[in-house]
PDB file of N, CA and C in Angstrom:
ATOM      1  N   MET A   1     119.816 103.598 111.011  1.00  0.00           N
ATOM      2  CA  MET A   1     119.980 104.545 112.192  1.00  0.00           C
ATOM      3  C   MET A   1     121.392 104.552 112.230  1.00  0.00           C
ATOM      4  N   GLY A   2     121.483 105.969 112.075  1.00  0.00           N
ATOM      5  CA  GLY A   2     123.206 106.871 111.596  1.00  0.00           C
ATOM      6  C   GLY A   2     123.698 106.494 112.902  1.00  0.00           C
ATOM      7  N   ALA A   3     124.685 106.463 113.536  1.00  0.00           N
ATOM      8  CA  ALA A   3     125.420 106.875 114.505  1.00  0.00           C
ATOM      9  C   ALA A   3     125.370 107.959 115.304  1.00  0.00           C
ATOM     10  N   ALA A   4     125.631 107.985 116.321  1.00  0.00           N
ATOM     11  CA  ALA A   4     124.966 108.212 117.366  1.00  0.00           C
ATOM     12  C   ALA A   4     125.540 109.259 118.769  1.00  0.00           C
ATOM     13  N   VAL A   5     125.019 110.611 118.512  1.00  0.00           N
ATOM     14  CA  VAL A   5     125.380 111.389 119.328  1.00  0.00           C
ATOM     15  C   VAL A   5     125.285 111.778 120.366  1.00  0.00           C
ATOM     16  N   LYS A   6     126.599 111.908 121.201  1.00  0.00           N
ATOM     17  CA  LYS A   6     125.656 111.921 122.452  1.00  0.00           C
ATOM     18  C   LYS A   6     125.388 113.397 123.127  1.00  0.00           C
ATOM     19  N   LYS A   7     124.597 113.540 123.764  1.00  0.00           N
ATOM     20  CA  LYS A   7     124.062 115.245 124.290  1.00  0.00           C
ATOM     21  C   LYS A   7     124.363 115.162 125.646  1.00  0.00           C
ATOM     22  N   THR A   8     124.193 116.255 126.458  1.00  0.00           N
ATOM     23  CA  THR A   8     123.554 115.972 127.710  1.00  0.00           C
ATOM     24  C   THR A   8     122.036 117.068 127.758  1.00  0.00           C
ATOM     25  N   ILE A   9     121.350 116.820 128.827  1.00  0.00           N
ATOM     26  CA  ILE A   9     119.854 116.776 128.768  1.00  0.00           C
ATOM     27  C   ILE A   9     119.995 117.327 129.951  1.00  0.00           C
ATOM     28  N   SER A  10     119.038 118.895 130.067  1.00  0.00           N
ATOM     29  CA  SER A  10     118.645 118.437 131.987  1.00  0.00           C
ATOM     30  C   SER A  10     117.126 117.844 132.699  1.00  0.00           C
ATOM     31  N   LEU A  11     116.521 117.391 133.467  1.00  0.00           N
ATOM     32  CA  LEU A  11     115.151 116.755 132.975  1.00  0.00           C
ATOM     33  C   LEU A  11     115.413 116.659 134.043  1.00  0.00           C
ATOM     34  N   PRO A  12     113.658 117.466 135.275  1.00  0.00           N
ATOM     35  CA  PRO A  12     113.985 117.665 136.235  1.00  0.00           C
ATOM     36  C   PRO A  12     113.571 115.903 137.265  1.00  0.00           C
ATOM     37  N   ALA A  13     113.757 116.853 138.622  1.00  0.00           N
ATOM     38  CA  ALA A  13     114.176 115.963 139.321  1.00  0.00           C
ATOM     39  C   ALA A  13     112.789 114.222 139.268  1.00  0.00           C
ATOM     40  N   ASP A  14     111.375 114.359 138.766  1.00  0.00           N
ATOM     41  CA  ASP A  14     110.407 114.056 139.285  1.00  0.00           C
ATOM     42  C   ASP A  14     110.519 112.847 137.698  1.00  0.00           C
ATOM     43  N   LEU A  15     111.032 113.829 137.076  1.00  0.00           N
ATOM     44  CA  LEU A  15     111.169 112.911 135.172  1.00  0.00           C
ATOM     45  C   LEU A  15     112.439 112.254 135.015  1.00  0.00           C
ATOM     46  N   ALA A  16     114.023 112.659 135.883  1.00  0.00           N
ATOM     47  CA  ALA A  16     114.861 111.949 136.111  1.00  0.00           C
ATOM     48  C   ALA A  16     114.339 110.306 136.381  1.00  0.00           C
ATOM     49  N   LYS A  17     113.243 110.776 137.974  1.00  0.00           N
ATOM     50  CA  LYS A  17     112.681 108.947 138.934  1.00  0.00           C
ATOM     51  C   LYS A  17     112.653 108.194 138.209  1.00  0.00           C
ATOM     52  N   GLU A  18     111.390 109.349 137.528  1.00  0.00           N
ATOM     53  CA  GLU A  18     110.900 109.057 136.982  1.00  0.00           C
ATOM     54  C   GLU A  18     111.031 107.461 135.353  1.00  0.00           C
ATOM     55  N   ALA A  19     111.707 108.591 134.630  1.00  0.00           N
ATOM     56  CA  ALA A  19     112.754 107.458 133.648  1.00  0.00           C
ATOM     57  C   ALA A  19     113.577 106.275 134.091  1.00  0.00           C
ATOM     58  N   GLU A  20     114.173 107.050 134.142  1.00  0.00           N
ATOM     59  CA  GLU A  20     115.509 106.014 135.316  1.00  0.00           C
ATOM     60  C   GLU A  20     114.546 104.115 135.750  1.00  0.00           C
ATOM     61  N   ALA A  21     113.005 104.940 136.129  1.00  0.00           N
ATOM     62  CA  ALA A  21     112.155 103.736 137.197  1.00  0.00           C
ATOM     63  C   ALA A  21     111.924 102.376 135.647  1.00  0.00           C
ATOM     64  N   ARG A  22     111.894 103.778 134.969  1.00  0.00           N
ATOM     65  CA  ARG A  22     111.457 102.801 133.338  1.00  0.00           C
ATOM     66  C   ARG A  22     112.556 101.710 132.824  1.00  0.00           C
ATOM     67  N   ALA A  23     112.578 102.165 132.748  1.00  0.00           N
ATOM     68  CA  ALA A  23     114.757 102.239 131.784  1.00  0.00           C
ATOM     69  C   ALA A  23     115.180 100.993 132.822  1.00  0.00           C
ATOM     70  N   LYS A  24     115.049 100.685 134.243  1.00  0.00           N
ATOM     71  CA  LYS A  24     114.755  99.621 135.246  1.00  0.00           C
ATOM     72  C   LYS A  24     114.007  98.487 134.275  1.00  0.00           C
ATOM     73  N   ALA A  25     112.879  98.569 135.155  1.00  0.00           N
ATOM     74  CA  ALA A  25     111.733  98.366 134.621  1.00  0.00           C
ATOM     75  C   ALA A  25     111.358  97.158 133.355  1.00  0.00           C
ATOM     76  N   GLU A  26     111.832  97.731 132.485  1.00  0.00           N
ATOM     77  CA  GLU A  26     112.239  97.923 131.110  1.00  0.00           C
ATOM     78  C   GLU A  26     112.872  96.431 130.778  1.00  0.00           C
ATOM     79  N   GLY A  27     114.101  96.801 131.429  1.00  0.00           N
ATOM     80  CA  GLY A  27     115.895  96.534 130.887  1.00  0.00           C
ATOM     81  C   GLY A  27     115.790  97.077 130.228  1.00  0.00           C
ATOM     82  N   LYS A  28     115.662  98.550 129.361  1.00  0.00           N
ATOM     83  CA  LYS A  28     116.995  99.422 129.121  1.00  0.00           C
ATOM     84  C   LYS A  28     118.098  99.937 129.878  1.00  0.00           C
ATOM     85  N   THR A  29     118.334 100.871 129.066  1.00  0.00           N
ATOM     86  CA  THR A  29     119.603 102.273 129.343  1.00  0.00           C
ATOM     87  C   THR A  29     118.034 103.231 129.710  1.00  0.00           C
ATOM     88  N   LEU A  30     119.360 104.639 130.365  1.00  0.00           N
ATOM     89  CA  LEU A  30     117.902 105.839 130.115  1.00  0.00           C
ATOM     90  C   LEU A  30     118.084 105.997 129.275  1.00  0.00           C
ATOM     91  N   SER A  31     119.575 106.242 128.173  1.00  0.00           N
ATOM     92  CA  SER A  31     119.905 106.397 126.754  1.00  0.00           C
ATOM     93  C   SER A  31     118.343 106.407 124.953  1.00  0.00           C
ATOM     94  N   GLY A  32     117.933 104.584 125.916  1.00  0.00           N
ATOM     95  CA  GLY A  32     116.810 104.100 124.913  1.00  0.00           C
ATOM     96  C   GLY A  32     115.723 104.171 124.829  1.00  0.00           C
ATOM     97  N   VAL A  33     115.529 104.593 126.462  1.00  0.00           N
ATOM     98  CA  VAL A  33     114.352 104.913 127.504  1.00  0.00           C
ATOM     99  C   VAL A  33     114.285 106.395 126.528  1.00  0.00           C
ATOM    100  N   ILE A  34     114.046 107.827 126.575  1.00  0.00           N
ATOM    101  CA  ILE A  34     114.334 108.855 125.967  1.00  0.00           C
ATOM    102  C   ILE A  34     114.401 108.400 124.350  1.00  0.00           C
ATOM    103  N   GLN A  35     115.147 108.403 123.815  1.00  0.00           N
ATOM    104  CA  GLN A  35     115.120 107.198 122.342  1.00  0.00           C
ATOM    105  C   GLN A  35     113.730 107.378 122.106  1.00  0.00           C
ATOM    106  N   GLU A  36     113.590 106.683 122.553  1.00  0.00           N
ATOM    107  CA  GLU A  36     111.828 105.384 122.640  1.00  0.00           C
ATOM    108  C   GLU A  36     110.789 106.844 123.324  1.00  0.00           C
ATOM    109  N   ALA A  37     110.808 107.798 123.750  1.00  0.00           N
ATOM    110  CA  ALA A  37     109.740 108.519 123.909  1.00  0.00           C
ATOM    111  C   ALA A  37     109.658 109.378 123.244  1.00  0.00           C
ATOM    112  N   LEU A  38     111.014 110.260 122.133  1.00  0.00           N
ATOM    113  CA  LEU A  38     111.429 110.959 121.424  1.00  0.00           C
ATOM    114  C   LEU A  38     110.426 110.854 120.098  1.00  0.00           C
ATOM    115  N   ARG A  39     110.892 109.123 120.060  1.00  0.00           N
ATOM    116  CA  ARG A  39     110.065 107.906 119.186  1.00  0.00           C
ATOM    117  C   ARG A  39     108.924 108.651 118.838  1.00  0.00           C
ATOM    118  N   GLU A  40     107.446 107.907 120.006  1.00  0.00           N
ATOM    119  CA  GLU A  40     107.136 107.940 120.079  1.00  0.00           C
ATOM    120  C   GLU A  40     106.030 109.545 120.260  1.00  0.00           C
ATOM    121  N   ALA A  41     107.185 110.774 120.684  1.00  0.00           N
ATOM    122  CA  ALA A  41     106.279 111.777 120.907  1.00  0.00           C
ATOM    123  C   ALA A  41     106.520 112.720 118.896  1.00  0.00           C
ATOM    124  N   ARG A  42     107.315 112.156 118.610  1.00  0.00           N
ATOM    125  CA  ARG A  42     107.610 112.558 116.816  1.00  0.00           C
ATOM    126  C   ARG A  42     106.813 111.333 116.520  1.00  0.00           C
ATOM    127  N   VAL A  43     105.694 110.171 116.673  1.00  0.00           N
ATOM    128  CA  VAL A  43     104.696 109.526 115.452  1.00  0.00           C
ATOM    129  C   VAL A  43     103.495 110.317 116.487  1.00  0.00           C
ATOM    130  N   GLY A  44     103.600 110.579 117.362  1.00  0.00           N
ATOM    131  CA  GLY A  44     102.717 111.770 117.978  1.00  0.00           C
ATOM    132  C   GLY A  44     101.677 112.835 117.502  1.00  0.00           C
ATOM    133  N   ARG A  45     103.052 113.443 117.474  1.00  0.00           N
ATOM    134  CA  ARG A  45     102.531 114.905 115.941  1.00  0.00           C
ATOM    135  C   ARG A  45     102.951 114.895 114.503  1.00  0.00           C
ATOM    136  N   ARG A  46     103.408 113.499 114.308  1.00  0.00           N
ATOM    137  CA  ARG A  46     102.426 113.504 112.801  1.00  0.00           C
ATOM    138  C   ARG A  46     101.417 112.415 112.796  1.00  0.00           C
ATOM    139  N   GLN A  47     100.582 111.660 113.892  1.00  0.00           N
ATOM    140  CA  GLN A  47      99.594 111.971 113.461  1.00  0.00           C
ATOM    141  C   GLN A  47      98.551 112.772 113.220  1.00  0.00           C
ATOM    142  N   GLN A  48      98.342 113.619 114.787  1.00  0.00           N
ATOM    143  CA  GLN A  48      98.175 114.966 114.670  1.00  0.00           C
ATOM    144  C   GLN A  48      98.258 115.556 113.559  1.00  0.00           C
ATOM    145  N   GLU A  49      99.167 116.086 112.761  1.00  0.00           N
ATOM    146  CA  GLU A  49      99.121 116.582 111.236  1.00  0.00           C
ATOM    147  C   GLU A  49      98.295 115.952 110.382  1.00  0.00           C
ATOM    148  N   LEU A  50      98.520 114.163 110.892  1.00  0.00           N
ATOM    149  CA  LEU A  50      97.532 114.107 109.142  1.00  0.00           C
ATOM    150  C   LEU A  50      96.054 113.419 109.751  1.00  0.00           C
ATOM    151  N   ARG A  51      95.431 113.289 111.225  1.00  0.00           N
ATOM    152  CA  ARG A  51      94.635 113.920 111.321  1.00  0.00           C
ATOM    153  C   ARG A  51      94.104 115.898 111.132  1.00  0.00           C
ATOM    154  N   GLY A  52      94.712 116.694 110.928  1.00  0.00           N
ATOM    155  CA  GLY A  52      94.235 117.801 110.560  1.00  0.00           C
ATOM    156  C   GLY A  52      93.970 117.660 109.439  1.00  0.00           C
ATOM    157  N   ILE A  53      95.488 117.114 107.599  1.00  0.00           N
ATOM    158  CA  ILE A  53      94.874 117.394 106.828  1.00  0.00           C
ATOM    159  C   ILE A  53      93.989 116.489 106.498  1.00  0.00           C
ATOM    160  N   GLN A  54      93.158 115.566 107.143  1.00  0.00           N
ATOM    161  CA  GLN A  54      91.830 114.508 107.136  1.00  0.00           C
ATOM    162  C   GLN A  54      90.949 115.943 107.531  1.00  0.00           C
ATOM    163  N   GLY A  55      91.023 115.986 108.455  1.00  0.00           N
ATOM    164  CA  GLY A  55      89.581 117.153 108.969  1.00  0.00           C
ATOM    165  C   GLY A  55      89.932 117.862 107.405  1.00  0.00           C
ATOM    166  N   PHE A  56      90.970 118.967 106.861  1.00  0.00           N
ATOM    167  CA  PHE A  56      90.562 120.231 106.263  1.00  0.00           C
ATOM    168  C   PHE A  56      90.154 118.940 104.523  1.00  0.00           C
ATOM    169  N   TRP A  57      90.571 117.412 104.483  1.00  0.00           N
ATOM    170  CA  TRP A  57      89.891 116.920 103.050  1.00  0.00           C
ATOM    171  C   TRP A  57      88.699 117.011 103.439  1.00  0.00           C
ATOM    172  N   SER A  58      88.600 116.657 104.495  1.00  0.00           N
ATOM    173  CA  SER A  58      87.341 116.135 104.571  1.00  0.00           C
ATOM    174  C   SER A  58      85.347 117.704 104.252  1.00  0.00           C
ATOM    175  N   ARG A  59      86.235 118.150 104.409  1.00  0.00           N
ATOM    176  CA  ARG A  59      85.560 119.573 105.172  1.00  0.00           C
ATOM    177  C   ARG A  59      85.408 120.006 103.151  1.00  0.00           C
ATOM    178  N   LYS A  60      86.807 120.182 103.354  1.00  0.00           N
ATOM    179  CA  LYS A  60      86.011 120.459 101.193  1.00  0.00           C
ATOM    180  C   LYS A  60      85.539 119.164 100.411  1.00  0.00           C
ATOM    181  N   ALA A  61      85.750 118.518 100.862  1.00  0.00           N
ATOM    182  CA  ALA A  61      84.145 117.016 100.082  1.00  0.00           C
ATOM    183  C   ALA A  61      83.195 118.014 100.486  1.00  0.00           C
ATOM    184  N   ARG A  62      83.224 118.277 101.918  1.00  0.00           N
ATOM    185  CA  ARG A  62      81.160 118.316 102.326  1.00  0.00           C
ATOM    186  C   ARG A  62      81.138 119.509 101.513  1.00  0.00           C
ATOM    187  N   GLU A  63      81.585 120.441 101.055  1.00  0.00           N
ATOM    188  CA  GLU A  63      81.746 122.080 100.619  1.00  0.00           C
ATOM    189  C   GLU A  63      80.779 121.407  99.243  1.00  0.00           C
ATOM    190  N   GLN A  64      81.750 120.065  98.870  1.00  0.00           N
ATOM    191  CA  GLN A  64      81.549 120.003  97.179  1.00  0.00           C
ATOM    192  C   GLN A  64      79.957 118.791  97.621  1.00  0.00           C
ATOM    193  N   GLY A  65      79.108 118.321  98.252  1.00  0.00           N
ATOM    194  CA  GLY A  65      78.248 117.845  98.405  1.00  0.00           C
ATOM    195  C   GLY A  65      78.830 116.433  98.696  1.00  0.00           C
ATOM    196  N   ILE A  66      80.937 115.679  97.986  1.00  0.00           N
ATOM    197  CA  ILE A  66      81.124 114.563  98.581  1.00  0.00           C
ATOM    198  C   ILE A  66      80.653 114.124  99.848  1.00  0.00           C
ATOM    199  N   LEU A  67      79.633 113.358 100.205  1.00  0.00           N
ATOM    200  CA  LEU A  67      79.571 112.996 101.350  1.00  0.00           C
ATOM    201  C   LEU A  67      79.772 110.650 101.838  1.00  0.00           C
ATOM    202  N   THR A  68      79.433 110.737 100.465  1.00  0.00           N
ATOM    203  CA  THR A  68      79.796 109.486 100.002  1.00  0.00           C
ATOM    204  C   THR A  68      81.224 108.590  99.701  1.00  0.00           C
ATOM    205  N   GLU A  69      81.185 106.959  98.672  1.00  0.00           N
ATOM    206  CA  GLU A  69      81.701 106.925  97.664  1.00  0.00           C
ATOM    207  C   GLU A  69      81.398 107.088  96.903  1.00  0.00           C
ATOM    208  N   LYS A  70      79.642 107.077  96.213  1.00  0.00           N
ATOM    209  CA  LYS A  70      79.932 107.244  95.896  1.00  0.00           C
ATOM    210  C   LYS A  70      78.980 108.362  95.070  1.00  0.00           C
ATOM    211  N   ASP A  71      78.827 108.935  95.795  1.00  0.00           N
ATOM    212  CA  ASP A  71      79.632 110.712  94.895  1.00  0.00           C
ATOM    213  C   ASP A  71      80.355 110.888  94.778  1.00  0.00           C
ATOM    214  N   LEU A  72      81.616 110.571  95.871  1.00  0.00           N
ATOM    215  CA  LEU A  72      83.594 111.466  95.097  1.00  0.00           C
ATOM    216  C   LEU A  72      83.592 109.995  93.466  1.00  0.00           C
ATOM    217  N   GLU A  73      83.072 108.983  93.293  1.00  0.00           N
ATOM    218  CA  GLU A  73      82.623 108.446  92.341  1.00  0.00           C
ATOM    219  C   GLU A  73      82.156 109.843  90.861  1.00  0.00           C
ATOM    220  N   ARG A  74      81.054 110.162  90.911  1.00  0.00           N
ATOM    221  CA  ARG A  74      80.709 110.563  91.165  1.00  0.00           C
ATOM    222  C   ARG A  74      81.470 112.293  89.820  1.00  0.00           C
ATOM    223  N   TYR A  75      81.741 112.734  91.206  1.00  0.00           N
ATOM    224  CA  TYR A  75      82.526 113.793  91.200  1.00  0.00           C
ATOM    225  C   TYR A  75      83.609 113.642  90.694  1.00  0.00           C
ATOM    226  N   LEU A  76      84.485 112.145  90.917  1.00  0.00           N
ATOM    227  CA  LEU A  76      85.396 112.205  89.662  1.00  0.00           C
ATOM    228  C   LEU A  76      85.461 111.954  88.706  1.00  0.00           C
ATOM    229  N   ARG A  77      84.026 111.179  87.741  1.00  0.00           N
ATOM    230  CA  ARG A  77      84.054 110.815  86.261  1.00  0.00           C
ATOM    231  C   ARG A  77      83.526 112.447  85.024  1.00  0.00           C
ATOM    232  N   ALA A  78      82.629 113.455  87.068  1.00  0.00           N
ATOM    233  CA  ALA A  78      82.729 114.379  86.120  1.00  0.00           C
ATOM    234  C   ALA A  78      83.770 115.584  85.136  1.00  0.00           C
TER     235      ALA A  78
END
């Protein structure tokens, strides 16, 4: 992880209160809670992207009649 960069952000009051409560409950700083939430969001976006890629290639495989691993092996040998 690189050097920390200070930023000022605005949050709706209810979200700020929730974040502060979470920080207190977990023994973290508010900054730590925000960092964790952003990292989790990034992971979620990457998982969604991966599911999209998997879906695309699954459709392509079905279009070629590849439904099982044996079908894939036969396709790759051809």
